[in-house]
C-alpha atoms as a PDB file:
ATOM      1  CA  MET A   1      -2.370   4.243  22.966  1.00  0.00           C
ATOM      2  CA  LYS A   2      -3.950   1.559  25.169  1.00  0.00           C
ATOM      3  CA  LYS A   3      -7.660   1.151  25.692  1.00  0.00           C
ATOM      4  CA  GLN A   4      -9.054  -1.632  27.871  1.00  0.00           C
ATOM      5  CA  ASN A   5      -5.897  -3.772  27.640  1.00  0.00           C
ATOM      6  CA  LYS A   6      -5.831  -3.515  23.835  1.00  0.00           C
ATOM      7  CA  GLN A   7      -3.149  -1.822  21.818  1.00  0.00           C
ATOM      8  CA  TRP A   8      -4.593   0.945  19.639  1.00  0.00           C
ATOM      9  CA  TYR A   9      -2.835   2.891  16.903  1.00  0.00           C
ATOM     10  CA  ARG A  10      -3.628   6.127  15.128  1.00  0.00           C
ATOM     11  CA  ILE A  11      -3.655   6.307  11.349  1.00  0.00           C
ATOM     12  CA  GLY A  12      -0.246   7.999  11.104  1.00  0.00           C
ATOM     13  CA  GLU A  13       1.345   5.295  13.245  1.00  0.00           C
ATOM     14  CA  VAL A  14      -0.236   2.592  11.089  1.00  0.00           C
ATOM     15  CA  ALA A  15       0.942   4.258   7.887  1.00  0.00           C
ATOM     16  CA  ARG A  16       4.533   4.454   9.167  1.00  0.00           C
ATOM     17  CA  LYS A  17       4.490   0.962  10.623  1.00  0.00           C
ATOM     18  CA  LEU A  18       3.214  -0.656   7.408  1.00  0.00           C
ATOM     19  CA  ASP A  19       4.745   1.802   4.913  1.00  0.00           C
ATOM     20  CA  ILE A  20       1.327   2.665   3.466  1.00  0.00           C
ATOM     21  CA  ALA A  21       0.159   6.181   2.646  1.00  0.00           C
ATOM     22  CA  VAL A  22      -2.469   7.588   5.007  1.00  0.00           C
ATOM     23  CA  GLU A  23      -4.660   8.377   1.993  1.00  0.00           C
ATOM     24  CA  THR A  24      -4.456   4.736   0.856  1.00  0.00           C
ATOM     25  CA  ILE A  25      -5.722   3.585   4.244  1.00  0.00           C
ATOM     26  CA  ARG A  26      -8.576   6.093   4.037  1.00  0.00           C
ATOM     27  CA  MET A  27      -9.387   4.886   0.517  1.00  0.00           C
ATOM     28  CA  TYR A  28      -9.601   1.266   1.724  1.00  0.00           C
ATOM     29  CA  GLU A  29     -12.059   2.456   4.352  1.00  0.00           C
ATOM     30  CA  ARG A  30     -14.116   4.432   1.803  1.00  0.00           C
ATOM     31  CA  GLU A  31     -14.192   1.400  -0.483  1.00  0.00           C
ATOM     32  CA  GLY A  32     -15.558  -0.740   2.343  1.00  0.00           C
ATOM     33  CA  ILE A  33     -12.716  -3.243   2.611  1.00  0.00           C
ATOM     34  CA  LEU A  34     -11.450  -1.854   5.909  1.00  0.00           C
ATOM     35  CA  LEU A  35     -13.815  -1.217   8.814  1.00  0.00           C
ATOM     36  CA  ILE A  36     -12.217   0.990  11.427  1.00  0.00           C
ATOM     37  CA  GLU A  37     -13.479   2.035  14.823  1.00  0.00           C
ATOM     38  CA  LYS A  38     -13.570   5.757  15.493  1.00  0.00           C
ATOM     39  CA  THR A  39     -13.440   7.748  18.681  1.00  0.00           C
ATOM     40  CA  ALA A  40     -16.219  10.121  19.714  1.00  0.00           C
ATOM     41  CA  THR A  41     -14.281  12.873  17.935  1.00  0.00           C
ATOM     42  CA  GLY A  42     -14.043  10.862  14.704  1.00  0.00           C
ATOM     43  CA  GLN A  43     -10.401   9.844  15.022  1.00  0.00           C
ATOM     44  CA  ARG A  44      -9.648   6.441  13.525  1.00  0.00           C
ATOM     45  CA  ILE A  45      -8.177   3.904  15.935  1.00  0.00           C
ATOM     46  CA  PHE A  46      -6.649   0.652  14.737  1.00  0.00           C
ATOM     47  CA  THR A  47      -6.085  -2.628  16.558  1.00  0.00           C
ATOM     48  CA  ASN A  48      -3.431  -5.233  15.853  1.00  0.00           C
ATOM     49  CA  GLU A  49      -6.141  -7.172  14.012  1.00  0.00           C
ATOM     50  CA  ASP A  50      -6.709  -4.156  11.757  1.00  0.00           C
ATOM     51  CA  LEU A  51      -2.976  -4.026  11.027  1.00  0.00           C
ATOM     52  CA  ASN A  52      -3.016  -7.718  10.128  1.00  0.00           C
ATOM     53  CA  TRP A  53      -5.970  -7.155   7.777  1.00  0.00           C
ATOM     54  CA  LEU A  54      -4.132  -4.242   6.136  1.00  0.00           C
ATOM     55  CA  ARG A  55      -1.121  -6.498   5.598  1.00  0.00           C
ATOM     56  CA  CYS A  56      -3.437  -9.062   4.038  1.00  0.00           C
ATOM     57  CA  ILE A  57      -5.034  -6.445   1.766  1.00  0.00           C
ATOM     58  CA  ARG A  58      -1.599  -5.318   0.579  1.00  0.00           C
ATOM     59  CA  LYS A  59      -0.564  -8.913  -0.095  1.00  0.00           C
ATOM     60  CA  LEU A  60      -3.748  -9.611  -2.057  1.00  0.00           C
ATOM     61  CA  ILE A  61      -3.173  -6.517  -4.185  1.00  0.00           C
ATOM     62  CA  LYS A  62       0.572  -6.874  -4.728  1.00  0.00           C
ATOM     63  CA  GLU A  63       1.069 -10.636  -4.871  1.00  0.00           C
ATOM     64  CA  GLU A  64      -2.309 -12.040  -5.866  1.00  0.00           C
ATOM     65  CA  ARG A  65      -3.101  -9.132  -8.213  1.00  0.00           C
ATOM     66  CA  LEU A  66      -6.604  -8.655  -6.820  1.00  0.00           C
ATOM     67  CA  ASN A  67      -8.269  -5.284  -7.156  1.00  0.00           C
ATOM     68  CA  ILE A  68     -10.564  -3.618  -4.617  1.00  0.00           C
ATOM     69  CA  GLU A  69     -13.669  -5.278  -6.073  1.00  0.00           C
ATOM     70  CA  GLY A  70     -11.988  -8.685  -5.904  1.00  0.00           C
ATOM     71  CA  ILE A  71     -11.111  -8.165  -2.255  1.00  0.00           C
ATOM     72  CA  ARG A  72     -14.621  -6.939  -1.506  1.00  0.00           C
ATOM     73  CA  ARG A  73     -16.019 -10.219  -2.873  1.00  0.00           C
ATOM     74  CA  LEU A  74     -13.904 -12.378  -0.556  1.00  0.00           C
END
């Protein structure tokens, strides 16, 4: 999906692209470490920057052994 010359992705696309469960992405949002824009109907839309941040979150958790609270403090 393109919006104003930006590439936008829906949550299912992001989950497949990054091999992350949809519920995990939603949990990151609930925990406040992922801020996602939503459409007027409440659908989450992700930019390439959001995908990069998700990759970073996963790296911090898997490689640096940070938990959600540790990431929140960054």
